[in-house]
N, C-alpha and C. Protein backbone atom coordinates (compact mmCIF):
# COMPACT_ATOMS: atom_id res chain seq x y z
N MET A 1 -24.36 2.68 -8.08
CA MET A 1 -23.15 2.89 -7.29
C MET A 1 -22.37 4.06 -7.89
N THR A 2 -21.97 5.00 -7.05
CA THR A 2 -21.19 6.15 -7.55
C THR A 2 -19.77 5.72 -7.87
N GLU A 3 -19.05 6.57 -8.60
CA GLU A 3 -17.66 6.27 -8.93
C GLU A 3 -16.79 6.21 -7.67
N LEU A 4 -17.07 7.06 -6.69
CA LEU A 4 -16.32 7.02 -5.43
C LEU A 4 -16.61 5.73 -4.68
N GLU A 5 -17.86 5.31 -4.66
CA GLU A 5 -18.20 4.04 -3.99
C GLU A 5 -17.47 2.88 -4.68
N LYS A 6 -17.39 2.92 -6.01
CA LYS A 6 -16.64 1.90 -6.74
C LYS A 6 -15.17 1.93 -6.33
N ALA A 7 -14.59 3.14 -6.28
CA ALA A 7 -13.17 3.29 -5.93
C ALA A 7 -12.88 2.75 -4.54
N LEU A 8 -13.79 2.99 -3.59
CA LEU A 8 -13.57 2.57 -2.21
C LEU A 8 -14.01 1.13 -1.95
N SER A 9 -14.50 0.45 -2.99
CA SER A 9 -14.84 -0.96 -2.84
C SER A 9 -13.95 -1.84 -3.71
N GLY A 10 -12.90 -1.25 -4.29
CA GLY A 10 -11.93 -2.02 -5.05
C GLY A 10 -12.34 -2.29 -6.49
N GLU A 11 -13.41 -1.66 -6.97
CA GLU A 11 -13.84 -1.84 -8.35
C GLU A 11 -13.20 -0.81 -9.26
N GLN A 12 -13.25 -1.06 -10.57
CA GLN A 12 -12.77 -0.06 -11.53
C GLN A 12 -13.67 1.17 -11.44
N PHE A 13 -13.09 2.35 -11.60
CA PHE A 13 -13.85 3.58 -11.45
C PHE A 13 -13.31 4.64 -12.41
N ASP A 14 -14.10 5.68 -12.61
CA ASP A 14 -13.72 6.79 -13.46
C ASP A 14 -12.93 7.79 -12.63
N ARG A 15 -11.63 7.89 -12.89
CA ARG A 15 -10.76 8.77 -12.12
C ARG A 15 -11.05 10.26 -12.37
N ARG A 16 -11.78 10.55 -13.43
CA ARG A 16 -12.10 11.94 -13.75
C ARG A 16 -13.39 12.41 -13.07
N ASP A 17 -14.05 11.53 -12.34
CA ASP A 17 -15.29 11.86 -11.65
C ASP A 17 -15.04 12.94 -10.59
N LYS A 18 -15.96 13.91 -10.51
CA LYS A 18 -15.79 15.05 -9.60
C LYS A 18 -15.73 14.59 -8.14
N GLU A 19 -16.60 13.66 -7.75
CA GLU A 19 -16.62 13.18 -6.37
C GLU A 19 -15.31 12.48 -6.00
N VAL A 20 -14.76 11.71 -6.94
CA VAL A 20 -13.48 11.04 -6.73
C VAL A 20 -12.39 12.10 -6.55
N TYR A 21 -12.39 13.09 -7.42
CA TYR A 21 -11.40 14.17 -7.34
C TYR A 21 -11.47 14.89 -6.00
N LEU A 22 -12.69 15.21 -5.55
CA LEU A 22 -12.85 15.92 -4.27
C LEU A 22 -12.39 15.06 -3.10
N PHE A 23 -12.68 13.76 -3.15
CA PHE A 23 -12.24 12.86 -2.08
C PHE A 23 -10.71 12.80 -2.03
N GLN A 24 -10.09 12.67 -3.19
CA GLN A 24 -8.63 12.61 -3.23
C GLN A 24 -8.01 13.93 -2.78
N SER A 25 -8.67 15.03 -3.07
CA SER A 25 -8.19 16.33 -2.58
C SER A 25 -8.23 16.38 -1.06
N LYS A 26 -9.30 15.82 -0.47
CA LYS A 26 -9.41 15.77 0.98
C LYS A 26 -8.29 14.92 1.57
N VAL A 27 -8.00 13.79 0.94
CA VAL A 27 -6.92 12.91 1.40
C VAL A 27 -5.58 13.65 1.35
N LYS A 28 -5.33 14.37 0.27
CA LYS A 28 -4.08 15.14 0.15
C LYS A 28 -3.98 16.20 1.24
N ASP A 29 -5.10 16.86 1.52
CA ASP A 29 -5.11 17.86 2.59
C ASP A 29 -4.83 17.22 3.95
N MET A 30 -5.42 16.05 4.19
CA MET A 30 -5.19 15.35 5.46
C MET A 30 -3.72 14.97 5.60
N LEU A 31 -3.13 14.47 4.52
CA LEU A 31 -1.71 14.08 4.56
C LEU A 31 -0.82 15.30 4.74
N HIS A 32 -1.18 16.39 4.11
CA HIS A 32 -0.40 17.62 4.30
C HIS A 32 -0.43 18.03 5.77
N GLU A 33 -1.62 18.01 6.38
CA GLU A 33 -1.71 18.36 7.79
C GLU A 33 -0.91 17.39 8.65
N PHE A 34 -1.02 16.09 8.36
CA PHE A 34 -0.28 15.06 9.09
C PHE A 34 1.22 15.38 9.10
N HIS A 35 1.74 15.79 7.95
CA HIS A 35 3.18 16.04 7.81
C HIS A 35 3.63 17.37 8.40
N THR A 36 2.71 18.28 8.64
CA THR A 36 3.10 19.57 9.20
C THR A 36 3.00 19.61 10.72
N LEU A 37 2.39 18.58 11.31
CA LEU A 37 2.27 18.52 12.77
C LEU A 37 3.53 17.93 13.39
N LYS A 38 3.79 18.30 14.64
CA LYS A 38 4.90 17.70 15.38
C LYS A 38 4.62 16.21 15.56
N PRO A 39 5.66 15.37 15.54
CA PRO A 39 5.46 13.93 15.72
C PRO A 39 4.70 13.57 17.00
N SER A 40 4.82 14.39 18.04
CA SER A 40 4.16 14.10 19.32
C SER A 40 2.71 14.59 19.37
N ASP A 41 2.26 15.29 18.35
CA ASP A 41 0.90 15.85 18.36
C ASP A 41 -0.13 14.74 18.18
N PRO A 42 -1.07 14.58 19.13
CA PRO A 42 -2.09 13.53 19.03
C PRO A 42 -3.01 13.68 17.82
N LYS A 43 -3.06 14.84 17.23
CA LYS A 43 -3.88 15.06 16.02
C LYS A 43 -3.40 14.18 14.87
N ARG A 44 -2.10 13.86 14.85
CA ARG A 44 -1.57 12.96 13.81
C ARG A 44 -2.28 11.62 13.85
N THR A 45 -2.48 11.10 15.07
CA THR A 45 -3.17 9.82 15.23
C THR A 45 -4.62 9.93 14.75
N GLU A 46 -5.27 11.03 15.07
CA GLU A 46 -6.65 11.24 14.63
C GLU A 46 -6.75 11.24 13.11
N ILE A 47 -5.79 11.87 12.46
CA ILE A 47 -5.80 11.92 10.99
C ILE A 47 -5.64 10.53 10.40
N ILE A 48 -4.67 9.77 10.90
CA ILE A 48 -4.45 8.41 10.37
C ILE A 48 -5.66 7.52 10.66
N LYS A 49 -6.26 7.64 11.83
CA LYS A 49 -7.46 6.87 12.16
C LYS A 49 -8.57 7.12 11.14
N GLU A 50 -8.72 8.38 10.75
CA GLU A 50 -9.76 8.73 9.78
C GLU A 50 -9.37 8.29 8.37
N LEU A 51 -8.09 8.27 8.10
CA LEU A 51 -7.60 8.02 6.75
C LEU A 51 -7.64 6.55 6.34
N VAL A 52 -7.14 5.65 7.18
CA VAL A 52 -6.99 4.24 6.81
C VAL A 52 -8.01 3.36 7.53
N THR A 53 -8.10 2.11 7.11
CA THR A 53 -9.00 1.14 7.71
C THR A 53 -8.19 0.21 8.62
N GLY A 54 -8.68 -0.05 9.82
CA GLY A 54 -8.03 -0.98 10.72
C GLY A 54 -6.92 -0.38 11.55
N TYR A 55 -6.86 0.95 11.62
CA TYR A 55 -5.83 1.57 12.44
C TYR A 55 -6.02 1.14 13.89
N ASN A 56 -4.91 0.89 14.57
CA ASN A 56 -4.92 0.60 16.00
C ASN A 56 -3.65 1.18 16.60
N LYS A 57 -3.53 1.13 17.91
CA LYS A 57 -2.38 1.76 18.57
C LYS A 57 -1.05 1.08 18.25
N TYR A 58 -1.08 -0.03 17.54
CA TYR A 58 0.15 -0.72 17.16
C TYR A 58 0.49 -0.54 15.68
N VAL A 59 -0.17 0.41 15.04
CA VAL A 59 0.18 0.79 13.67
C VAL A 59 0.99 2.08 13.76
N PHE A 60 2.19 2.05 13.21
CA PHE A 60 3.09 3.20 13.26
C PHE A 60 3.38 3.65 11.83
N ILE A 61 3.08 4.91 11.55
CA ILE A 61 3.28 5.45 10.21
C ILE A 61 4.17 6.69 10.34
N GLU A 62 5.34 6.63 9.71
CA GLU A 62 6.31 7.72 9.79
C GLU A 62 6.05 8.79 8.73
N ASP A 63 6.78 9.90 8.84
CA ASP A 63 6.66 11.01 7.90
C ASP A 63 6.96 10.58 6.47
N GLY A 64 6.36 11.30 5.54
CA GLY A 64 6.58 11.04 4.13
C GLY A 64 5.58 10.07 3.54
N PHE A 65 4.64 9.59 4.34
CA PHE A 65 3.63 8.63 3.87
C PHE A 65 2.68 9.31 2.88
N ARG A 66 2.42 8.66 1.77
CA ARG A 66 1.47 9.14 0.77
C ARG A 66 0.55 8.00 0.35
N CYS A 67 -0.69 8.35 -0.01
CA CYS A 67 -1.63 7.35 -0.51
C CYS A 67 -2.65 8.03 -1.41
N SER A 68 -3.41 7.21 -2.15
CA SER A 68 -4.43 7.73 -3.06
C SER A 68 -5.75 7.96 -2.36
N PHE A 69 -6.21 6.96 -1.60
CA PHE A 69 -7.51 7.03 -0.95
C PHE A 69 -7.44 6.79 0.56
N GLY A 70 -6.49 6.01 1.00
CA GLY A 70 -6.38 5.71 2.42
C GLY A 70 -7.33 4.61 2.86
N LYS A 71 -8.61 4.78 2.58
CA LYS A 71 -9.62 3.82 3.04
C LYS A 71 -9.41 2.43 2.45
N ASN A 72 -8.71 2.33 1.33
CA ASN A 72 -8.44 1.02 0.73
C ASN A 72 -7.22 0.34 1.34
N ILE A 73 -6.57 0.99 2.30
CA ILE A 73 -5.45 0.38 3.03
C ILE A 73 -6.04 -0.23 4.29
N ARG A 74 -5.90 -1.55 4.42
CA ARG A 74 -6.54 -2.25 5.53
C ARG A 74 -5.47 -2.95 6.37
N PHE A 75 -5.34 -2.48 7.61
CA PHE A 75 -4.39 -3.08 8.55
C PHE A 75 -5.07 -4.21 9.31
N HIS A 76 -4.34 -5.30 9.54
CA HIS A 76 -4.87 -6.47 10.23
C HIS A 76 -4.05 -6.77 11.49
N GLY A 77 -3.63 -5.73 12.18
CA GLY A 77 -2.85 -5.88 13.41
C GLY A 77 -1.72 -4.87 13.43
N MET A 78 -0.65 -5.21 14.14
CA MET A 78 0.50 -4.33 14.27
C MET A 78 1.19 -4.17 12.91
N ALA A 79 1.66 -2.96 12.64
CA ALA A 79 2.42 -2.72 11.42
C ALA A 79 3.30 -1.49 11.61
N MET A 80 4.44 -1.50 10.95
CA MET A 80 5.36 -0.37 10.96
C MET A 80 5.57 0.06 9.52
N ILE A 81 5.14 1.30 9.22
CA ILE A 81 5.34 1.88 7.89
C ILE A 81 6.42 2.95 8.07
N ASN A 82 7.61 2.68 7.55
CA ASN A 82 8.75 3.57 7.77
C ASN A 82 8.65 4.81 6.89
N TYR A 83 9.68 5.65 6.93
CA TYR A 83 9.68 6.93 6.25
C TYR A 83 9.50 6.82 4.73
N ASP A 84 8.79 7.81 4.18
CA ASP A 84 8.70 8.03 2.73
C ASP A 84 8.11 6.87 1.94
N CYS A 85 7.06 6.27 2.45
CA CYS A 85 6.37 5.19 1.74
C CYS A 85 5.18 5.76 0.96
N THR A 86 4.93 5.16 -0.21
CA THR A 86 3.82 5.57 -1.06
C THR A 86 2.96 4.35 -1.36
N PHE A 87 1.66 4.47 -1.06
CA PHE A 87 0.71 3.40 -1.32
C PHE A 87 -0.34 3.93 -2.29
N LEU A 88 -0.31 3.48 -3.54
CA LEU A 88 -1.32 3.86 -4.52
C LEU A 88 -2.48 2.87 -4.40
N ASP A 89 -3.35 3.16 -3.45
CA ASP A 89 -4.42 2.24 -3.07
C ASP A 89 -5.70 2.46 -3.88
N THR A 90 -5.57 2.33 -5.20
CA THR A 90 -6.74 2.40 -6.07
C THR A 90 -7.49 1.08 -6.07
N ASN A 91 -7.00 0.12 -5.36
CA ASN A 91 -7.66 -1.13 -5.02
C ASN A 91 -7.21 -1.42 -3.59
N PHE A 92 -7.56 -2.57 -3.06
CA PHE A 92 -7.25 -2.86 -1.67
C PHE A 92 -5.78 -3.22 -1.47
N ILE A 93 -5.22 -2.69 -0.39
CA ILE A 93 -3.90 -3.10 0.09
C ILE A 93 -4.14 -3.65 1.49
N ASP A 94 -4.01 -4.96 1.64
CA ASP A 94 -4.17 -5.62 2.93
C ASP A 94 -2.79 -5.84 3.53
N ILE A 95 -2.61 -5.39 4.76
CA ILE A 95 -1.32 -5.49 5.44
C ILE A 95 -1.49 -6.34 6.68
N GLY A 96 -0.83 -7.49 6.70
CA GLY A 96 -0.97 -8.44 7.78
C GLY A 96 -0.35 -7.99 9.10
N HIS A 97 -0.63 -8.77 10.13
CA HIS A 97 -0.14 -8.52 11.48
C HIS A 97 1.39 -8.62 11.53
N CYS A 98 2.00 -7.68 12.21
CA CYS A 98 3.46 -7.62 12.40
C CYS A 98 4.22 -7.38 11.10
N ALA A 99 3.62 -6.66 10.17
CA ALA A 99 4.30 -6.31 8.91
C ALA A 99 5.26 -5.15 9.16
N LEU A 100 6.43 -5.25 8.57
CA LEU A 100 7.43 -4.19 8.63
C LEU A 100 7.68 -3.72 7.21
N ILE A 101 7.32 -2.47 6.94
CA ILE A 101 7.48 -1.89 5.61
C ILE A 101 8.61 -0.87 5.70
N GLY A 102 9.73 -1.15 5.02
CA GLY A 102 10.92 -0.33 5.13
C GLY A 102 10.78 1.03 4.48
N PRO A 103 11.76 1.90 4.74
CA PRO A 103 11.71 3.25 4.19
C PRO A 103 11.73 3.23 2.66
N GLY A 104 10.94 4.16 2.08
CA GLY A 104 10.93 4.32 0.63
C GLY A 104 10.18 3.26 -0.14
N CYS A 105 9.41 2.42 0.53
CA CYS A 105 8.66 1.37 -0.19
C CYS A 105 7.47 1.96 -0.93
N THR A 106 7.15 1.33 -2.07
CA THR A 106 6.02 1.75 -2.89
C THR A 106 5.15 0.55 -3.19
N LEU A 107 3.87 0.64 -2.85
CA LEU A 107 2.89 -0.40 -3.14
C LEU A 107 1.91 0.19 -4.15
N VAL A 108 1.85 -0.41 -5.35
CA VAL A 108 1.12 0.18 -6.47
C VAL A 108 0.03 -0.78 -6.94
N CYS A 109 -1.23 -0.41 -6.70
CA CYS A 109 -2.36 -1.22 -7.18
C CYS A 109 -2.76 -0.86 -8.60
N THR A 110 -2.37 0.30 -9.07
CA THR A 110 -2.85 0.78 -10.37
C THR A 110 -1.86 0.50 -11.49
N ASN A 111 -2.41 0.27 -12.66
CA ASN A 111 -1.59 -0.01 -13.82
C ASN A 111 -2.30 0.57 -15.05
N HIS A 112 -1.61 1.40 -15.82
CA HIS A 112 -2.19 1.96 -17.04
C HIS A 112 -2.29 0.87 -18.10
N SER A 113 -3.19 1.05 -19.04
CA SER A 113 -3.32 0.14 -20.17
C SER A 113 -2.04 0.16 -21.00
N ILE A 114 -1.67 -0.98 -21.53
CA ILE A 114 -0.50 -1.06 -22.41
C ILE A 114 -0.82 -0.44 -23.76
N ASP A 115 -2.05 -0.60 -24.22
CA ASP A 115 -2.49 -0.04 -25.49
C ASP A 115 -2.52 1.48 -25.41
N PRO A 116 -1.80 2.21 -26.29
CA PRO A 116 -1.73 3.67 -26.18
C PRO A 116 -3.08 4.36 -26.36
N THR A 117 -3.94 3.84 -27.23
CA THR A 117 -5.26 4.44 -27.42
C THR A 117 -6.10 4.31 -26.17
N GLU A 118 -6.10 3.12 -25.59
CA GLU A 118 -6.84 2.91 -24.34
C GLU A 118 -6.25 3.74 -23.20
N ARG A 119 -4.92 3.82 -23.17
CA ARG A 119 -4.25 4.60 -22.12
C ARG A 119 -4.67 6.07 -22.19
N MET A 120 -4.76 6.62 -23.40
CA MET A 120 -5.16 8.01 -23.57
C MET A 120 -6.61 8.23 -23.16
N LYS A 121 -7.43 7.18 -23.22
CA LYS A 121 -8.83 7.27 -22.78
C LYS A 121 -8.94 7.16 -21.26
N GLY A 122 -7.81 6.85 -20.61
CA GLY A 122 -7.82 6.74 -19.15
C GLY A 122 -8.08 5.33 -18.64
N ALA A 123 -7.83 4.32 -19.46
CA ALA A 123 -8.07 2.93 -19.03
C ALA A 123 -7.01 2.49 -18.03
N PHE A 124 -7.46 1.86 -16.96
CA PHE A 124 -6.58 1.36 -15.91
C PHE A 124 -6.90 -0.09 -15.62
N ASN A 125 -5.98 -0.77 -15.00
CA ASN A 125 -6.17 -2.15 -14.59
C ASN A 125 -5.70 -2.25 -13.14
N ASP A 126 -6.57 -1.91 -12.20
CA ASP A 126 -6.21 -1.90 -10.78
C ASP A 126 -6.40 -3.29 -10.19
N LYS A 127 -5.42 -3.73 -9.40
CA LYS A 127 -5.49 -5.04 -8.75
C LYS A 127 -5.04 -4.90 -7.30
N PRO A 128 -5.61 -5.72 -6.40
CA PRO A 128 -5.25 -5.62 -4.98
C PRO A 128 -3.85 -6.16 -4.69
N ILE A 129 -3.32 -5.74 -3.54
CA ILE A 129 -2.04 -6.23 -3.03
C ILE A 129 -2.31 -6.80 -1.64
N LYS A 130 -1.71 -7.95 -1.35
CA LYS A 130 -1.86 -8.55 -0.03
C LYS A 130 -0.48 -8.83 0.54
N ILE A 131 -0.22 -8.25 1.72
CA ILE A 131 1.02 -8.47 2.45
C ILE A 131 0.66 -9.34 3.65
N GLY A 132 1.25 -10.53 3.76
CA GLY A 132 0.89 -11.46 4.82
C GLY A 132 1.40 -11.05 6.20
N ASP A 133 1.13 -11.90 7.18
CA ASP A 133 1.59 -11.68 8.54
C ASP A 133 3.11 -11.85 8.62
N ASN A 134 3.74 -11.06 9.49
CA ASN A 134 5.18 -11.16 9.77
C ASN A 134 6.07 -10.94 8.55
N VAL A 135 5.59 -10.17 7.58
CA VAL A 135 6.37 -9.88 6.37
C VAL A 135 7.26 -8.68 6.64
N TRP A 136 8.47 -8.73 6.10
CA TRP A 136 9.40 -7.61 6.17
C TRP A 136 9.78 -7.22 4.76
N LEU A 137 9.43 -5.98 4.38
CA LEU A 137 9.87 -5.42 3.11
C LEU A 137 11.04 -4.50 3.42
N GLY A 138 12.21 -4.80 2.84
CA GLY A 138 13.38 -3.95 3.06
C GLY A 138 13.20 -2.59 2.41
N ALA A 139 14.18 -1.73 2.59
CA ALA A 139 14.12 -0.36 2.06
C ALA A 139 13.92 -0.36 0.55
N ASN A 140 13.08 0.57 0.09
CA ASN A 140 12.88 0.83 -1.34
C ASN A 140 12.37 -0.36 -2.14
N VAL A 141 11.56 -1.19 -1.55
CA VAL A 141 10.91 -2.28 -2.27
C VAL A 141 9.69 -1.70 -3.00
N THR A 142 9.47 -2.18 -4.22
CA THR A 142 8.27 -1.83 -4.99
C THR A 142 7.46 -3.10 -5.18
N VAL A 143 6.16 -3.02 -4.83
CA VAL A 143 5.24 -4.14 -5.02
C VAL A 143 4.21 -3.71 -6.06
N LEU A 144 4.08 -4.51 -7.13
CA LEU A 144 3.23 -4.16 -8.25
C LEU A 144 1.81 -4.73 -8.11
N PRO A 145 0.88 -4.30 -8.97
CA PRO A 145 -0.53 -4.70 -8.84
C PRO A 145 -0.73 -6.20 -8.85
N GLY A 146 -1.66 -6.65 -8.00
CA GLY A 146 -2.08 -8.04 -7.99
C GLY A 146 -1.18 -8.99 -7.22
N VAL A 147 -0.15 -8.50 -6.58
CA VAL A 147 0.83 -9.36 -5.90
C VAL A 147 0.35 -9.72 -4.49
N THR A 148 0.58 -10.98 -4.12
CA THR A 148 0.41 -11.44 -2.75
C THR A 148 1.77 -11.89 -2.24
N ILE A 149 2.13 -11.40 -1.04
CA ILE A 149 3.37 -11.83 -0.40
C ILE A 149 2.97 -12.64 0.81
N GLY A 150 3.41 -13.91 0.85
CA GLY A 150 3.01 -14.84 1.89
C GLY A 150 3.58 -14.53 3.26
N ASP A 151 3.00 -15.14 4.27
CA ASP A 151 3.40 -14.95 5.67
C ASP A 151 4.90 -15.23 5.85
N ASN A 152 5.51 -14.45 6.71
CA ASN A 152 6.91 -14.62 7.13
C ASN A 152 7.94 -14.37 6.04
N ALA A 153 7.52 -13.87 4.89
CA ALA A 153 8.46 -13.61 3.81
C ALA A 153 9.30 -12.37 4.11
N VAL A 154 10.53 -12.38 3.61
CA VAL A 154 11.43 -11.23 3.69
C VAL A 154 11.77 -10.85 2.26
N ILE A 155 11.53 -9.58 1.92
CA ILE A 155 11.84 -9.08 0.58
C ILE A 155 13.03 -8.14 0.70
N GLY A 156 14.12 -8.45 0.00
CA GLY A 156 15.35 -7.68 0.11
C GLY A 156 15.22 -6.26 -0.42
N ALA A 157 16.02 -5.37 0.14
CA ALA A 157 16.01 -3.96 -0.22
C ALA A 157 16.17 -3.77 -1.73
N GLY A 158 15.40 -2.83 -2.27
CA GLY A 158 15.49 -2.49 -3.68
C GLY A 158 14.79 -3.44 -4.63
N SER A 159 14.15 -4.47 -4.12
CA SER A 159 13.49 -5.45 -4.98
C SER A 159 12.24 -4.88 -5.64
N VAL A 160 11.91 -5.42 -6.81
CA VAL A 160 10.68 -5.10 -7.51
C VAL A 160 9.87 -6.39 -7.59
N VAL A 161 8.77 -6.44 -6.84
CA VAL A 161 7.97 -7.66 -6.73
C VAL A 161 6.88 -7.62 -7.79
N THR A 162 7.05 -8.45 -8.82
CA THR A 162 6.13 -8.47 -9.96
C THR A 162 5.17 -9.65 -9.93
N LYS A 163 5.50 -10.67 -9.11
CA LYS A 163 4.68 -11.89 -9.01
C LYS A 163 4.56 -12.29 -7.55
N ASP A 164 3.59 -13.14 -7.26
CA ASP A 164 3.37 -13.61 -5.90
C ASP A 164 4.64 -14.24 -5.32
N ILE A 165 4.82 -14.03 -4.03
CA ILE A 165 5.95 -14.61 -3.29
C ILE A 165 5.35 -15.52 -2.22
N PRO A 166 5.80 -16.78 -2.13
CA PRO A 166 5.22 -17.69 -1.14
C PRO A 166 5.64 -17.35 0.29
N SER A 167 5.02 -18.02 1.23
CA SER A 167 5.36 -17.85 2.64
C SER A 167 6.73 -18.45 2.94
N ASN A 168 7.35 -17.94 4.01
CA ASN A 168 8.58 -18.52 4.57
C ASN A 168 9.76 -18.55 3.62
N VAL A 169 9.97 -17.42 2.89
CA VAL A 169 11.11 -17.34 1.97
C VAL A 169 11.77 -15.98 2.09
N VAL A 170 13.02 -15.92 1.62
CA VAL A 170 13.69 -14.66 1.37
C VAL A 170 13.71 -14.51 -0.15
N ALA A 171 13.30 -13.34 -0.63
CA ALA A 171 13.26 -13.09 -2.07
C ALA A 171 13.90 -11.72 -2.33
N VAL A 172 14.65 -11.62 -3.44
CA VAL A 172 15.35 -10.38 -3.76
C VAL A 172 15.40 -10.19 -5.26
N GLY A 173 15.70 -8.95 -5.67
CA GLY A 173 16.02 -8.67 -7.06
C GLY A 173 14.94 -7.95 -7.84
N ASN A 174 15.28 -7.72 -9.12
CA ASN A 174 14.38 -7.08 -10.07
C ASN A 174 14.46 -7.87 -11.38
N PRO A 175 13.46 -8.72 -11.63
CA PRO A 175 12.29 -8.98 -10.80
C PRO A 175 12.65 -9.83 -9.59
N CYS A 176 11.87 -9.67 -8.54
CA CYS A 176 12.10 -10.36 -7.27
C CYS A 176 11.94 -11.87 -7.44
N LYS A 177 12.92 -12.62 -6.92
CA LYS A 177 12.88 -14.09 -6.99
C LYS A 177 13.28 -14.68 -5.65
N VAL A 178 12.74 -15.84 -5.34
CA VAL A 178 13.06 -16.55 -4.10
C VAL A 178 14.50 -17.01 -4.16
N VAL A 179 15.26 -16.73 -3.07
CA VAL A 179 16.65 -17.17 -3.00
C VAL A 179 16.91 -18.10 -1.82
N LYS A 180 15.96 -18.16 -0.88
CA LYS A 180 16.19 -18.97 0.32
C LYS A 180 14.86 -19.29 1.00
N GLN A 181 14.76 -20.51 1.49
CA GLN A 181 13.64 -20.91 2.34
C GLN A 181 13.94 -20.50 3.77
N ILE A 182 12.92 -20.14 4.52
CA ILE A 182 13.06 -19.83 5.93
C ILE A 182 12.42 -20.98 6.71
N ALA A 183 13.17 -21.58 7.62
CA ALA A 183 12.60 -22.66 8.42
C ALA A 183 11.51 -22.09 9.31
N SER A 184 10.32 -22.65 9.20
CA SER A 184 9.21 -22.19 10.05
C SER A 184 9.14 -23.02 11.31
N GLU A 185 8.85 -22.34 12.41
CA GLU A 185 8.73 -23.04 13.69
C GLU A 185 7.28 -23.40 13.91
N ASN A 186 7.02 -24.67 14.16
CA ASN A 186 5.65 -25.12 14.39
C ASN A 186 5.41 -25.41 15.83
């Protein structure tokens, strides 16, 4: 398996690999083109379709969107990605149906080694992120590696989500903590 194949399958990979570098350069070029086109230009849709997994006509991605690979971002229905969002998809980012991602949100799958010697060697600890159905991330939320946010959860603006958040709650803060249950309709 090549390093790029590892990267696009959610496995640990060598970030210094030439094929990985060339793929990421292509992604950057695609995003640059996306941002230079008029919002009404149908080519924008073509670029996003090629870039991410699970794109459909109910996925809306605003200007300022950035990502590492794109292909590791998997949409599972309707989603709204507001302005200036960054997804470091060095592992999988699964986004559930009817997800609302507020402006300035950052989803980070990658984490450098804590050990300085290992960090200098380029050691990483990438973990997937899962955003459930009907989740709303307020403006400027940061979601860290390995986090799952349950269905119907609301994450308050400016929160830093360091641990899993259950379904049907409102959670806020740094670190993000549950502050309220949401009554679910059955």
